[in-house]
C-alpha atoms as a PDB file:
ATOM      1  CA  UNK A   1    -105.642   1.952 189.404  1.00  0.00           C
ATOM      2  CA  UNK A   2    -108.409   1.808 186.774  1.00  0.00           C
ATOM      3  CA  UNK A   3    -108.729  -1.221 184.084  1.00  0.00           C
ATOM      4  CA  UNK A   4    -110.630  -1.268 181.019  1.00  0.00           C
ATOM      5  CA  UNK A   5    -113.018  -4.359 181.457  1.00  0.00           C
ATOM      6  CA  UNK A   6    -112.932  -5.095 177.790  1.00  0.00           C
ATOM      7  CA  UNK A   7    -109.357  -4.910 177.496  1.00  0.00           C
ATOM      8  CA  UNK A   8    -108.759  -7.194 180.592  1.00  0.00           C
ATOM      9  CA  UNK A   9    -111.093  -9.804 179.210  1.00  0.00           C
ATOM     10  CA  UNK A  10    -109.555  -9.762 175.364  1.00  0.00           C
ATOM     11  CA  UNK A  11    -105.863  -9.872 177.429  1.00  0.00           C
ATOM     12  CA  UNK A  12    -107.271 -13.391 179.388  1.00  0.00           C
ATOM     13  CA  UNK A  13    -108.445 -14.736 176.077  1.00  0.00           C
ATOM     14  CA  UNK A  14    -105.478 -14.151 174.027  1.00  0.00           C
ATOM     15  CA  UNK A  15    -103.220 -15.623 176.824  1.00  0.00           C
ATOM     16  CA  UNK A  16    -105.373 -18.714 177.195  1.00  0.00           C
ATOM     17  CA  UNK A  17    -105.829 -19.572 173.583  1.00  0.00           C
ATOM     18  CA  UNK A  18    -102.019 -18.647 173.325  1.00  0.00           C
ATOM     19  CA  UNK A  19    -101.438 -20.955 175.893  1.00  0.00           C
ATOM     20  CA  UNK A  20    -104.058 -23.520 174.273  1.00  0.00           C
ATOM     21  CA  UNK A  21    -102.329 -23.611 171.118  1.00  0.00           C
ATOM     22  CA  UNK A  22     -98.494 -24.323 172.665  1.00  0.00           C
ATOM     23  CA  UNK A  23    -100.161 -27.087 174.351  1.00  0.00           C
ATOM     24  CA  UNK A  24    -101.609 -28.675 171.322  1.00  0.00           C
ATOM     25  CA  UNK A  25     -98.103 -28.353 169.611  1.00  0.00           C
ATOM     26  CA  UNK A  26     -96.335 -29.933 172.422  1.00  0.00           C
ATOM     27  CA  UNK A  27     -98.898 -32.546 172.494  1.00  0.00           C
ATOM     28  CA  UNK A  28     -98.757 -33.420 168.800  1.00  0.00           C
ATOM     29  CA  UNK A  29     -97.009 -36.536 168.146  1.00  0.00           C
ATOM     30  CA  UNK A  30     -93.969 -37.022 166.160  1.00  0.00           C
ATOM     31  CA  UNK A  31     -93.926 -38.999 162.516  1.00  0.00           C
ATOM     32  CA  UNK A  32     -98.000 -39.234 162.280  1.00  0.00           C
ATOM     33  CA  UNK A  33     -97.861 -40.965 159.253  1.00  0.00           C
ATOM     34  CA  UNK A  34     -95.823 -43.251 160.703  1.00  0.00           C
ATOM     35  CA  UNK A  35     -98.299 -46.085 162.559  1.00  0.00           C
ATOM     36  CA  UNK A  36     -97.095 -47.038 166.137  1.00  0.00           C
ATOM     37  CA  UNK A  37     -95.273 -49.716 166.298  1.00  0.00           C
ATOM     38  CA  UNK A  38     -91.324 -51.351 166.993  1.00  0.00           C
ATOM     39  CA  UNK A  39     -89.931 -49.108 164.089  1.00  0.00           C
ATOM     40  CA  UNK A  40     -91.460 -45.950 164.730  1.00  0.00           C
ATOM     41  CA  UNK A  41     -90.150 -46.550 168.411  1.00  0.00           C
ATOM     42  CA  UNK A  42     -86.873 -47.501 167.819  1.00  0.00           C
ATOM     43  CA  UNK A  43     -86.670 -43.932 165.954  1.00  0.00           C
ATOM     44  CA  UNK A  44     -87.807 -42.087 169.151  1.00  0.00           C
ATOM     45  CA  UNK A  45     -85.971 -44.142 171.367  1.00  0.00           C
ATOM     46  CA  UNK A  46     -82.883 -43.745 169.649  1.00  0.00           C
ATOM     47  CA  UNK A  47     -83.392 -40.093 169.185  1.00  0.00           C
ATOM     48  CA  UNK A  48     -84.373 -39.554 172.983  1.00  0.00           C
ATOM     49  CA  UNK A  49     -81.314 -40.784 173.980  1.00  0.00           C
ATOM     50  CA  UNK A  50     -78.564 -38.991 171.864  1.00  0.00           C
ATOM     51  CA  UNK A  51     -80.637 -35.671 172.468  1.00  0.00           C
ATOM     52  CA  UNK A  52     -81.076 -35.850 176.339  1.00  0.00           C
ATOM     53  CA  UNK A  53     -78.253 -34.503 178.329  1.00  0.00           C
ATOM     54  CA  UNK A  54     -78.369 -36.517 181.087  1.00  0.00           C
ATOM     55  CA  UNK A  55     -78.287 -39.693 178.937  1.00  0.00           C
ATOM     56  CA  UNK A  56     -74.791 -41.520 179.087  1.00  0.00           C
ATOM     57  CA  UNK A  57     -75.207 -41.771 175.231  1.00  0.00           C
ATOM     58  CA  UNK A  58     -76.065 -38.011 174.575  1.00  0.00           C
ATOM     59  CA  UNK A  59     -74.499 -36.530 171.613  1.00  0.00           C
ATOM     60  CA  UNK A  60     -73.538 -33.094 170.920  1.00  0.00           C
ATOM     61  CA  UNK A  61     -75.654 -31.433 168.261  1.00  0.00           C
ATOM     62  CA  UNK A  62     -72.292 -30.733 166.323  1.00  0.00           C
ATOM     63  CA  UNK A  63     -72.103 -34.701 166.182  1.00  0.00           C
ATOM     64  CA  UNK A  64     -75.439 -35.065 165.370  1.00  0.00           C
ATOM     65  CA  UNK A  65     -75.088 -36.175 161.472  1.00  0.00           C
ATOM     66  CA  UNK A  66     -77.391 -38.066 159.334  1.00  0.00           C
ATOM     67  CA  UNK A  67     -77.125 -39.288 156.185  1.00  0.00           C
ATOM     68  CA  UNK A  68     -80.000 -40.197 153.342  1.00  0.00           C
ATOM     69  CA  UNK A  69     -79.703 -41.817 150.392  1.00  0.00           C
ATOM     70  CA  UNK A  70     -82.356 -40.315 148.115  1.00  0.00           C
ATOM     71  CA  UNK A  71     -83.424 -43.019 145.154  1.00  0.00           C
ATOM     72  CA  UNK A  72     -86.218 -45.584 146.928  1.00  0.00           C
ATOM     73  CA  UNK A  73     -85.261 -43.883 150.590  1.00  0.00           C
ATOM     74  CA  UNK A  74     -86.712 -40.276 150.273  1.00  0.00           C
ATOM     75  CA  UNK A  75     -88.569 -40.579 146.662  1.00  0.00           C
ATOM     76  CA  UNK A  76     -89.735 -43.277 144.981  1.00  0.00           C
ATOM     77  CA  UNK A  77     -87.694 -45.257 141.739  1.00  0.00           C
ATOM     78  CA  UNK A  78     -89.741 -47.456 139.839  1.00  0.00           C
ATOM     79  CA  UNK A  79     -90.314 -47.626 137.164  1.00  0.00           C
ATOM     80  CA  UNK A  80     -86.805 -46.562 136.617  1.00  0.00           C
ATOM     81  CA  UNK A  81     -84.545 -43.907 138.709  1.00  0.00           C
ATOM     82  CA  UNK A  82     -86.004 -40.474 138.167  1.00  0.00           C
ATOM     83  CA  UNK A  83     -83.194 -38.595 136.749  1.00  0.00           C
ATOM     84  CA  UNK A  84     -83.193 -41.362 133.674  1.00  0.00           C
ATOM     85  CA  UNK A  85     -86.552 -40.313 132.883  1.00  0.00           C
ATOM     86  CA  UNK A  86     -85.412 -37.093 132.888  1.00  0.00           C
ATOM     87  CA  UNK A  87     -82.195 -37.918 130.593  1.00  0.00           C
ATOM     88  CA  UNK A  88     -84.322 -40.228 127.845  1.00  0.00           C
ATOM     89  CA  UNK A  89     -86.540 -37.365 127.434  1.00  0.00           C
ATOM     90  CA  UNK A  90     -83.118 -34.806 126.620  1.00  0.00           C
ATOM     91  CA  UNK A  91     -82.232 -37.437 124.253  1.00  0.00           C
ATOM     92  CA  UNK A  92     -85.280 -36.811 122.328  1.00  0.00           C
ATOM     93  CA  UNK A  93     -85.390 -33.179 122.884  1.00  0.00           C
ATOM     94  CA  UNK A  94     -81.568 -32.962 121.799  1.00  0.00           C
ATOM     95  CA  UNK A  95     -81.385 -35.456 118.601  1.00  0.00           C
ATOM     96  CA  UNK A  96     -81.654 -32.727 116.386  1.00  0.00           C
ATOM     97  CA  UNK A  97     -78.273 -31.244 117.296  1.00  0.00           C
ATOM     98  CA  UNK A  98     -76.776 -34.778 117.010  1.00  0.00           C
ATOM     99  CA  UNK A  99     -77.568 -36.525 113.899  1.00  0.00           C
ATOM    100  CA  UNK A 100     -74.909 -39.256 115.246  1.00  0.00           C
ATOM    101  CA  UNK A 101     -77.454 -40.487 117.954  1.00  0.00           C
ATOM    102  CA  UNK A 102     -79.291 -42.355 114.941  1.00  0.00           C
ATOM    103  CA  UNK A 103     -76.737 -44.533 114.737  1.00  0.00           C
ATOM    104  CA  UNK A 104     -74.764 -44.531 117.885  1.00  0.00           C
ATOM    105  CA  UNK A 105     -75.626 -46.645 120.536  1.00  0.00           C
ATOM    106  CA  UNK A 106     -77.465 -46.185 123.803  1.00  0.00           C
ATOM    107  CA  UNK A 107     -78.961 -43.125 121.740  1.00  0.00           C
ATOM    108  CA  UNK A 108     -80.095 -45.083 118.443  1.00  0.00           C
ATOM    109  CA  UNK A 109     -82.398 -47.302 120.564  1.00  0.00           C
ATOM    110  CA  UNK A 110     -83.991 -44.639 122.435  1.00  0.00           C
ATOM    111  CA  UNK A 111     -84.854 -42.745 119.910  1.00  0.00           C
ATOM    112  CA  UNK A 112     -86.429 -46.003 118.230  1.00  0.00           C
ATOM    113  CA  UNK A 113     -88.617 -46.245 121.767  1.00  0.00           C
ATOM    114  CA  UNK A 114     -86.193 -49.803 122.409  1.00  0.00           C
ATOM    115  CA  UNK A 115     -85.602 -48.872 126.121  1.00  0.00           C
ATOM    116  CA  UNK A 116     -84.634 -52.415 126.661  1.00  0.00           C
ATOM    117  CA  UNK A 117     -81.844 -52.600 123.649  1.00  0.00           C
ATOM    118  CA  UNK A 118     -80.533 -48.593 125.080  1.00  0.00           C
ATOM    119  CA  UNK A 119     -80.147 -50.210 128.342  1.00  0.00           C
ATOM    120  CA  UNK A 120     -78.432 -53.590 127.339  1.00  0.00           C
ATOM    121  CA  UNK A 121     -75.399 -51.927 128.000  1.00  0.00           C
ATOM    122  CA  UNK A 122     -75.344 -51.430 131.570  1.00  0.00           C
ATOM    123  CA  UNK A 123     -73.709 -48.740 133.640  1.00  0.00           C
ATOM    124  CA  UNK A 124     -71.692 -47.672 130.713  1.00  0.00           C
ATOM    125  CA  UNK A 125     -74.769 -47.163 128.677  1.00  0.00           C
ATOM    126  CA  UNK A 126     -76.657 -45.548 131.132  1.00  0.00           C
ATOM    127  CA  UNK A 127     -73.865 -43.286 132.281  1.00  0.00           C
ATOM    128  CA  UNK A 128     -73.565 -41.944 128.699  1.00  0.00           C
ATOM    129  CA  UNK A 129     -76.907 -40.936 128.149  1.00  0.00           C
ATOM    130  CA  UNK A 130     -76.707 -38.819 131.127  1.00  0.00           C
ATOM    131  CA  UNK A 131     -73.364 -37.697 130.380  1.00  0.00           C
ATOM    132  CA  UNK A 132     -74.214 -36.932 126.829  1.00  0.00           C
ATOM    133  CA  UNK A 133     -77.211 -34.930 127.258  1.00  0.00           C
ATOM    134  CA  UNK A 134     -75.806 -32.498 129.864  1.00  0.00           C
ATOM    135  CA  UNK A 135     -72.731 -31.798 128.118  1.00  0.00           C
ATOM    136  CA  UNK A 136     -71.829 -28.383 127.355  1.00  0.00           C
ATOM    137  CA  UNK A 137     -74.630 -26.977 129.910  1.00  0.00           C
ATOM    138  CA  UNK A 138     -73.729 -24.198 132.706  1.00  0.00           C
ATOM    139  CA  UNK A 139     -74.632 -25.531 135.669  1.00  0.00           C
ATOM    140  CA  UNK A 140     -77.371 -22.477 135.826  1.00  0.00           C
ATOM    141  CA  UNK A 141     -78.443 -23.705 132.240  1.00  0.00           C
ATOM    142  CA  UNK A 142     -78.853 -27.003 133.629  1.00  0.00           C
ATOM    143  CA  UNK A 143     -80.512 -26.595 137.078  1.00  0.00           C
ATOM    144  CA  UNK A 144     -83.089 -24.480 134.811  1.00  0.00           C
ATOM    145  CA  UNK A 145     -84.009 -27.208 132.627  1.00  0.00           C
ATOM    146  CA  UNK A 146     -84.360 -29.739 135.231  1.00  0.00           C
ATOM    147  CA  UNK A 147     -86.663 -27.609 137.016  1.00  0.00           C
ATOM    148  CA  UNK A 148     -88.782 -26.691 134.108  1.00  0.00           C
ATOM    149  CA  UNK A 149     -89.042 -29.916 133.638  1.00  0.00           C
ATOM    150  CA  UNK A 150     -90.052 -31.258 137.039  1.00  0.00           C
ATOM    151  CA  UNK A 151     -92.958 -28.656 137.098  1.00  0.00           C
ATOM    152  CA  UNK A 152     -94.899 -31.347 134.640  1.00  0.00           C
ATOM    153  CA  UNK A 153     -93.100 -34.724 133.960  1.00  0.00           C
ATOM    154  CA  UNK A 154     -95.094 -37.507 135.577  1.00  0.00           C
ATOM    155  CA  UNK A 155     -94.219 -41.016 136.560  1.00  0.00           C
ATOM    156  CA  UNK A 156     -95.820 -43.036 133.936  1.00  0.00           C
ATOM    157  CA  UNK A 157     -97.127 -45.638 136.387  1.00  0.00           C
ATOM    158  CA  UNK A 158     -98.674 -43.490 139.070  1.00  0.00           C
ATOM    159  CA  UNK A 159     -99.502 -39.976 136.628  1.00  0.00           C
ATOM    160  CA  UNK A 160     -97.751 -37.928 139.651  1.00  0.00           C
ATOM    161  CA  UNK A 161     -95.667 -35.336 139.346  1.00  0.00           C
ATOM    162  CA  UNK A 162     -91.944 -36.715 140.507  1.00  0.00           C
ATOM    163  CA  UNK A 163     -91.284 -34.395 143.222  1.00  0.00           C
ATOM    164  CA  UNK A 164     -95.247 -35.287 144.847  1.00  0.00           C
ATOM    165  CA  UNK A 165     -93.685 -39.093 145.023  1.00  0.00           C
ATOM    166  CA  UNK A 166     -91.447 -37.943 147.532  1.00  0.00           C
ATOM    167  CA  UNK A 167     -92.428 -40.159 150.607  1.00  0.00           C
ATOM    168  CA  UNK A 168     -94.615 -38.469 153.361  1.00  0.00           C
ATOM    169  CA  UNK A 169     -92.905 -40.276 156.529  1.00  0.00           C
ATOM    170  CA  UNK A 170     -89.621 -39.678 155.225  1.00  0.00           C
ATOM    171  CA  UNK A 171     -90.278 -35.972 155.024  1.00  0.00           C
ATOM    172  CA  UNK A 172     -91.392 -35.875 158.555  1.00  0.00           C
ATOM    173  CA  UNK A 173     -88.533 -38.072 159.983  1.00  0.00           C
ATOM    174  CA  UNK A 174     -86.094 -35.332 158.237  1.00  0.00           C
ATOM    175  CA  UNK A 175     -88.257 -32.852 160.289  1.00  0.00           C
ATOM    176  CA  UNK A 176     -88.253 -34.297 163.329  1.00  0.00           C
ATOM    177  CA  UNK A 177     -84.365 -34.944 163.210  1.00  0.00           C
ATOM    178  CA  UNK A 178     -83.810 -31.445 162.587  1.00  0.00           C
ATOM    179  CA  UNK A 179     -86.123 -30.238 165.087  1.00  0.00           C
ATOM    180  CA  UNK A 180     -84.018 -32.182 167.681  1.00  0.00           C
ATOM    181  CA  UNK A 181     -80.626 -30.901 166.523  1.00  0.00           C
ATOM    182  CA  UNK A 182     -79.650 -33.226 163.693  1.00  0.00           C
ATOM    183  CA  UNK A 183     -77.703 -31.631 160.224  1.00  0.00           C
ATOM    184  CA  UNK A 184     -79.163 -33.912 157.626  1.00  0.00           C
ATOM    185  CA  UNK A 185     -77.581 -34.852 154.640  1.00  0.00           C
ATOM    186  CA  UNK A 186     -78.393 -36.103 151.233  1.00  0.00           C
ATOM    187  CA  UNK A 187     -75.589 -39.352 149.981  1.00  0.00           C
ATOM    188  CA  UNK A 188     -76.722 -40.472 146.881  1.00  0.00           C
ATOM    189  CA  UNK A 189     -76.154 -42.399 143.612  1.00  0.00           C
ATOM    190  CA  UNK A 190     -77.882 -39.894 141.750  1.00  0.00           C
ATOM    191  CA  UNK A 191     -76.372 -36.660 140.278  1.00  0.00           C
ATOM    192  CA  UNK A 192     -75.580 -33.995 142.590  1.00  0.00           C
ATOM    193  CA  UNK A 193     -76.676 -30.927 140.451  1.00  0.00           C
ATOM    194  CA  UNK A 194     -80.171 -32.867 139.634  1.00  0.00           C
ATOM    195  CA  UNK A 195     -81.131 -33.176 142.823  1.00  0.00           C
ATOM    196  CA  UNK A 196     -80.378 -29.931 144.335  1.00  0.00           C
ATOM    197  CA  UNK A 197     -82.752 -28.708 141.950  1.00  0.00           C
ATOM    198  CA  UNK A 198     -85.498 -30.063 144.310  1.00  0.00           C
ATOM    199  CA  UNK A 199     -83.734 -30.836 147.600  1.00  0.00           C
ATOM    200  CA  UNK A 200     -84.275 -27.763 149.534  1.00  0.00           C
ATOM    201  CA  UNK A 201     -88.110 -27.010 148.798  1.00  0.00           C
ATOM    202  CA  UNK A 202     -89.380 -31.255 148.871  1.00  0.00           C
ATOM    203  CA  UNK A 203     -86.950 -32.090 151.988  1.00  0.00           C
ATOM    204  CA  UNK A 204     -85.379 -29.132 153.357  1.00  0.00           C
ATOM    205  CA  UNK A 205     -82.170 -30.216 152.781  1.00  0.00           C
ATOM    206  CA  UNK A 206     -79.977 -27.286 151.202  1.00  0.00           C
ATOM    207  CA  UNK A 207     -77.896 -27.718 148.134  1.00  0.00           C
ATOM    208  CA  UNK A 208     -74.496 -27.543 149.943  1.00  0.00           C
ATOM    209  CA  UNK A 209     -75.905 -30.844 152.270  1.00  0.00           C
ATOM    210  CA  UNK A 210     -76.480 -32.743 148.932  1.00  0.00           C
ATOM    211  CA  UNK A 211     -73.660 -35.363 147.683  1.00  0.00           C
ATOM    212  CA  UNK A 212     -74.306 -37.439 144.807  1.00  0.00           C
ATOM    213  CA  UNK A 213     -72.871 -38.404 141.592  1.00  0.00           C
ATOM    214  CA  UNK A 214     -71.202 -35.655 139.688  1.00  0.00           C
ATOM    215  CA  UNK A 215     -69.595 -35.214 135.973  1.00  0.00           C
ATOM    216  CA  UNK A 216     -66.600 -33.186 135.323  1.00  0.00           C
ATOM    217  CA  UNK A 217     -66.664 -29.276 135.215  1.00  0.00           C
ATOM    218  CA  UNK A 218     -65.198 -26.898 133.270  1.00  0.00           C
ATOM    219  CA  UNK A 219     -64.308 -22.949 133.854  1.00  0.00           C
ATOM    220  CA  UNK A 220     -64.965 -20.600 130.648  1.00  0.00           C
ATOM    221  CA  UNK A 221     -66.149 -17.128 129.963  1.00  0.00           C
ATOM    222  CA  UNK A 222     -68.912 -17.132 128.121  1.00  0.00           C
ATOM    223  CA  UNK A 223     -69.539 -13.630 127.165  1.00  0.00           C
ATOM    224  CA  UNK A 224     -67.066 -12.520 129.109  1.00  0.00           C
ATOM    225  CA  UNK A 225     -68.759 -14.330 132.209  1.00  0.00           C
ATOM    226  CA  UNK A 226     -67.288 -16.790 134.249  1.00  0.00           C
ATOM    227  CA  UNK A 227     -69.118 -20.008 133.797  1.00  0.00           C
ATOM    228  CA  UNK A 228     -68.979 -23.634 134.982  1.00  0.00           C
ATOM    229  CA  UNK A 229     -69.654 -26.000 132.351  1.00  0.00           C
ATOM    230  CA  UNK A 230     -71.024 -29.476 132.361  1.00  0.00           C
ATOM    231  CA  UNK A 231     -68.875 -31.984 130.331  1.00  0.00           C
ATOM    232  CA  UNK A 232     -69.805 -35.846 129.362  1.00  0.00           C
ATOM    233  CA  UNK A 233     -67.019 -37.499 131.646  1.00  0.00           C
ATOM    234  CA  UNK A 234     -67.613 -38.834 135.082  1.00  0.00           C
ATOM    235  CA  UNK A 235     -65.958 -37.220 138.070  1.00  0.00           C
ATOM    236  CA  UNK A 236     -67.208 -39.272 140.960  1.00  0.00           C
ATOM    237  CA  UNK A 237     -69.956 -42.218 140.823  1.00  0.00           C
ATOM    238  CA  UNK A 238     -71.408 -42.076 144.859  1.00  0.00           C
ATOM    239  CA  UNK A 239     -72.368 -45.303 145.120  1.00  0.00           C
ATOM    240  CA  UNK A 240     -71.607 -48.869 147.371  1.00  0.00           C
ATOM    241  CA  UNK A 241     -68.473 -48.371 148.786  1.00  0.00           C
ATOM    242  CA  UNK A 242     -67.926 -44.772 147.587  1.00  0.00           C
ATOM    243  CA  UNK A 243     -70.744 -43.389 149.957  1.00  0.00           C
ATOM    244  CA  UNK A 244     -68.375 -43.866 152.922  1.00  0.00           C
ATOM    245  CA  UNK A 245     -65.495 -41.964 151.043  1.00  0.00           C
ATOM    246  CA  UNK A 246     -68.078 -39.129 149.818  1.00  0.00           C
ATOM    247  CA  UNK A 247     -68.464 -38.422 153.281  1.00  0.00           C
ATOM    248  CA  UNK A 248     -65.718 -38.497 154.760  1.00  0.00           C
ATOM    249  CA  UNK A 249     -64.264 -36.084 152.296  1.00  0.00           C
ATOM    250  CA  UNK A 250     -67.267 -33.622 151.757  1.00  0.00           C
ATOM    251  CA  UNK A 251     -68.656 -33.764 155.498  1.00  0.00           C
ATOM    252  CA  UNK A 252     -65.531 -34.782 157.519  1.00  0.00           C
ATOM    253  CA  UNK A 253     -67.491 -36.646 160.415  1.00  0.00           C
ATOM    254  CA  UNK A 254     -68.957 -40.024 160.346  1.00  0.00           C
ATOM    255  CA  UNK A 255     -72.865 -40.152 160.745  1.00  0.00           C
ATOM    256  CA  UNK A 256     -74.537 -41.422 163.792  1.00  0.00           C
ATOM    257  CA  UNK A 257     -77.278 -42.044 161.884  1.00  0.00           C
ATOM    258  CA  UNK A 258     -77.962 -43.957 158.126  1.00  0.00           C
ATOM    259  CA  UNK A 259     -81.104 -44.245 156.009  1.00  0.00           C
ATOM    260  CA  UNK A 260     -80.797 -46.541 152.972  1.00  0.00           C
ATOM    261  CA  UNK A 261     -83.132 -48.774 150.555  1.00  0.00           C
ATOM    262  CA  UNK A 262     -80.424 -50.615 148.960  1.00  0.00           C
ATOM    263  CA  UNK A 263     -77.017 -52.855 148.722  1.00  0.00           C
ATOM    264  CA  UNK A 264     -76.095 -49.330 147.185  1.00  0.00           C
ATOM    265  CA  UNK A 265     -76.230 -48.375 150.514  1.00  0.00           C
ATOM    266  CA  UNK A 266     -74.515 -51.021 152.561  1.00  0.00           C
ATOM    267  CA  UNK A 267     -71.462 -49.398 152.905  1.00  0.00           C
ATOM    268  CA  UNK A 268     -72.807 -46.623 154.221  1.00  0.00           C
ATOM    269  CA  UNK A 269     -74.870 -47.916 156.579  1.00  0.00           C
ATOM    270  CA  UNK A 270     -71.726 -50.238 157.905  1.00  0.00           C
ATOM    271  CA  UNK A 271     -69.426 -47.429 158.326  1.00  0.00           C
ATOM    272  CA  UNK A 272     -72.178 -45.303 160.088  1.00  0.00           C
ATOM    273  CA  UNK A 273     -72.799 -48.266 162.617  1.00  0.00           C
ATOM    274  CA  UNK A 274     -69.794 -49.594 163.097  1.00  0.00           C
ATOM    275  CA  UNK A 275     -68.476 -46.262 164.940  1.00  0.00           C
ATOM    276  CA  UNK A 276     -68.397 -45.561 168.805  1.00  0.00           C
ATOM    277  CA  UNK A 277     -71.448 -44.767 171.070  1.00  0.00           C
ATOM    278  CA  UNK A 278     -75.300 -44.334 170.048  1.00  0.00           C
ATOM    279  CA  UNK A 279     -75.585 -45.301 166.173  1.00  0.00           C
ATOM    280  CA  UNK A 280     -78.832 -45.923 164.093  1.00  0.00           C
ATOM    281  CA  UNK A 281     -78.982 -47.618 160.627  1.00  0.00           C
ATOM    282  CA  UNK A 282     -82.535 -47.830 158.779  1.00  0.00           C
ATOM    283  CA  UNK A 283     -83.389 -49.645 155.659  1.00  0.00           C
ATOM    284  CA  UNK A 284     -86.974 -48.698 153.791  1.00  0.00           C
ATOM    285  CA  UNK A 285     -88.133 -52.289 152.326  1.00  0.00           C
ATOM    286  CA  UNK A 286     -90.330 -51.668 149.790  1.00  0.00           C
ATOM    287  CA  UNK A 287     -93.446 -54.367 150.725  1.00  0.00           C
ATOM    288  CA  UNK A 288     -96.172 -52.320 149.191  1.00  0.00           C
ATOM    289  CA  UNK A 289     -97.307 -53.470 145.759  1.00  0.00           C
ATOM    290  CA  UNK A 290    -100.706 -51.337 146.302  1.00  0.00           C
ATOM    291  CA  UNK A 291     -99.415 -48.444 147.169  1.00  0.00           C
ATOM    292  CA  UNK A 292     -96.443 -47.880 145.939  1.00  0.00           C
ATOM    293  CA  UNK A 293     -93.875 -50.929 144.952  1.00  0.00           C
ATOM    294  CA  UNK A 294     -93.159 -54.038 145.873  1.00  0.00           C
ATOM    295  CA  UNK A 295     -89.160 -55.727 145.481  1.00  0.00           C
ATOM    296  CA  UNK A 296     -86.256 -56.399 147.066  1.00  0.00           C
ATOM    297  CA  UNK A 297     -83.472 -59.143 146.352  1.00  0.00           C
ATOM    298  CA  UNK A 298     -83.894 -59.814 142.584  1.00  0.00           C
ATOM    299  CA  UNK A 299     -84.965 -56.102 141.117  1.00  0.00           C
ATOM    300  CA  UNK A 300     -82.914 -54.650 138.513  1.00  0.00           C
ATOM    301  CA  UNK A 301     -83.383 -50.840 140.567  1.00  0.00           C
ATOM    302  CA  UNK A 302     -82.795 -50.855 143.985  1.00  0.00           C
ATOM    303  CA  UNK A 303     -82.151 -54.767 144.639  1.00  0.00           C
ATOM    304  CA  UNK A 304     -81.924 -54.985 148.507  1.00  0.00           C
ATOM    305  CA  UNK A 305     -80.222 -58.180 149.084  1.00  0.00           C
ATOM    306  CA  UNK A 306     -76.947 -58.091 151.254  1.00  0.00           C
ATOM    307  CA  UNK A 307     -78.242 -55.168 152.551  1.00  0.00           C
ATOM    308  CA  UNK A 308     -81.422 -57.126 153.945  1.00  0.00           C
ATOM    309  CA  UNK A 309     -79.413 -60.061 155.566  1.00  0.00           C
ATOM    310  CA  UNK A 310     -76.896 -57.422 157.277  1.00  0.00           C
ATOM    311  CA  UNK A 311     -80.115 -55.620 158.555  1.00  0.00           C
ATOM    312  CA  UNK A 312     -81.381 -58.815 160.416  1.00  0.00           C
ATOM    313  CA  UNK A 313     -77.451 -59.739 161.615  1.00  0.00           C
ATOM    314  CA  UNK A 314     -76.937 -56.330 162.829  1.00  0.00           C
ATOM    315  CA  UNK A 315     -80.316 -56.025 164.422  1.00  0.00           C
ATOM    316  CA  UNK A 316     -80.779 -52.623 162.258  1.00  0.00           C
ATOM    317  CA  UNK A 317     -84.355 -51.048 161.772  1.00  0.00           C
ATOM    318  CA  UNK A 318     -86.079 -52.336 158.804  1.00  0.00           C
ATOM    319  CA  UNK A 319     -88.992 -50.259 157.650  1.00  0.00           C
ATOM    320  CA  UNK A 320     -91.857 -52.492 156.009  1.00  0.00           C
ATOM    321  CA  UNK A 321     -93.796 -50.120 153.856  1.00  0.00           C
ATOM    322  CA  UNK A 322     -97.052 -51.524 153.960  1.00  0.00           C
ATOM    323  CA  UNK A 323     -97.272 -51.795 157.668  1.00  0.00           C
ATOM    324  CA  UNK A 324     -95.375 -48.975 158.984  1.00  0.00           C
ATOM    325  CA  UNK A 325     -96.103 -46.358 157.098  1.00  0.00           C
ATOM    326  CA  UNK A 326     -99.707 -45.021 157.000  1.00  0.00           C
ATOM    327  CA  UNK A 327     -99.328 -42.916 154.087  1.00  0.00           C
ATOM    328  CA  UNK A 328     -96.963 -42.975 150.885  1.00  0.00           C
ATOM    329  CA  UNK A 329     -96.234 -40.004 149.050  1.00  0.00           C
ATOM    330  CA  UNK A 330     -96.564 -36.105 149.724  1.00  0.00           C
ATOM    331  CA  UNK A 331     -99.731 -36.089 147.821  1.00  0.00           C
ATOM    332  CA  UNK A 332    -101.442 -39.211 149.714  1.00  0.00           C
ATOM    333  CA  UNK A 333    -103.068 -36.631 152.395  1.00  0.00           C
ATOM    334  CA  UNK A 334    -104.471 -33.893 149.959  1.00  0.00           C
END
């Protein structure tokens, strides 16, 4: 049988190159933006024991559910929740259509630039701002407005696009879990329609795996076509004890891993780690004032007080951002 020497040589080169590339991929360490240490190792150990079939703590792929808070866990949340920045901007954009806002709080204070007074009303004021600025929009219209805003809006403290302030280490963690048969969900107090506009592209989490707070919707025919129209009233607030309820209602399986950063995530972590078998709960502790923000027990946003005590008592993993993460944001490596 005649063999073409040139063809044989090229074939050998191709095979060796493919093998070399495969070896590099296999040798690549997971979670490259995480520093070596107890925190990173705890993640690797947990994934190993629940995915190895010979392990007594093996978990079938269908049961490998992991839930993540969003604000402060997957992306930053300072100096205000990013969705609130959007809603505040919408107050100004929509003000000409609402002359009553000039004298109606909290809108009057927003228009005067007095954010402290606008938010002095607490949760009811915040919900009013978010609810009324989206009322009347169809879900498709709302998604378009949010995407257009996210394309250019920047955080006033970092001058980064808000989507650029997703955490590189957490995106790597999401990818690592999915590569090991996990299904990842967002369970957050943020608006589900808001998060669904960027979660797939930013985190690889599709819309149907985003569970957040939601306003009421109304079915209407607009120009003869069916539409879902957003209403100003709140339908479901996905925070604290509501998170396990949302998980059971919309997922139907108790997670085996849960990730948060504040007391608002405490019940989700408690629910997750109180189940039978191997469990993993992790808190992101904001300790890096230089690269990000440092806050915990006394913060008005993302307060981590009871949760930090519970994590220490239960032996949950706590990420020290300053020490455990080589990089913070997605753009840090560019």
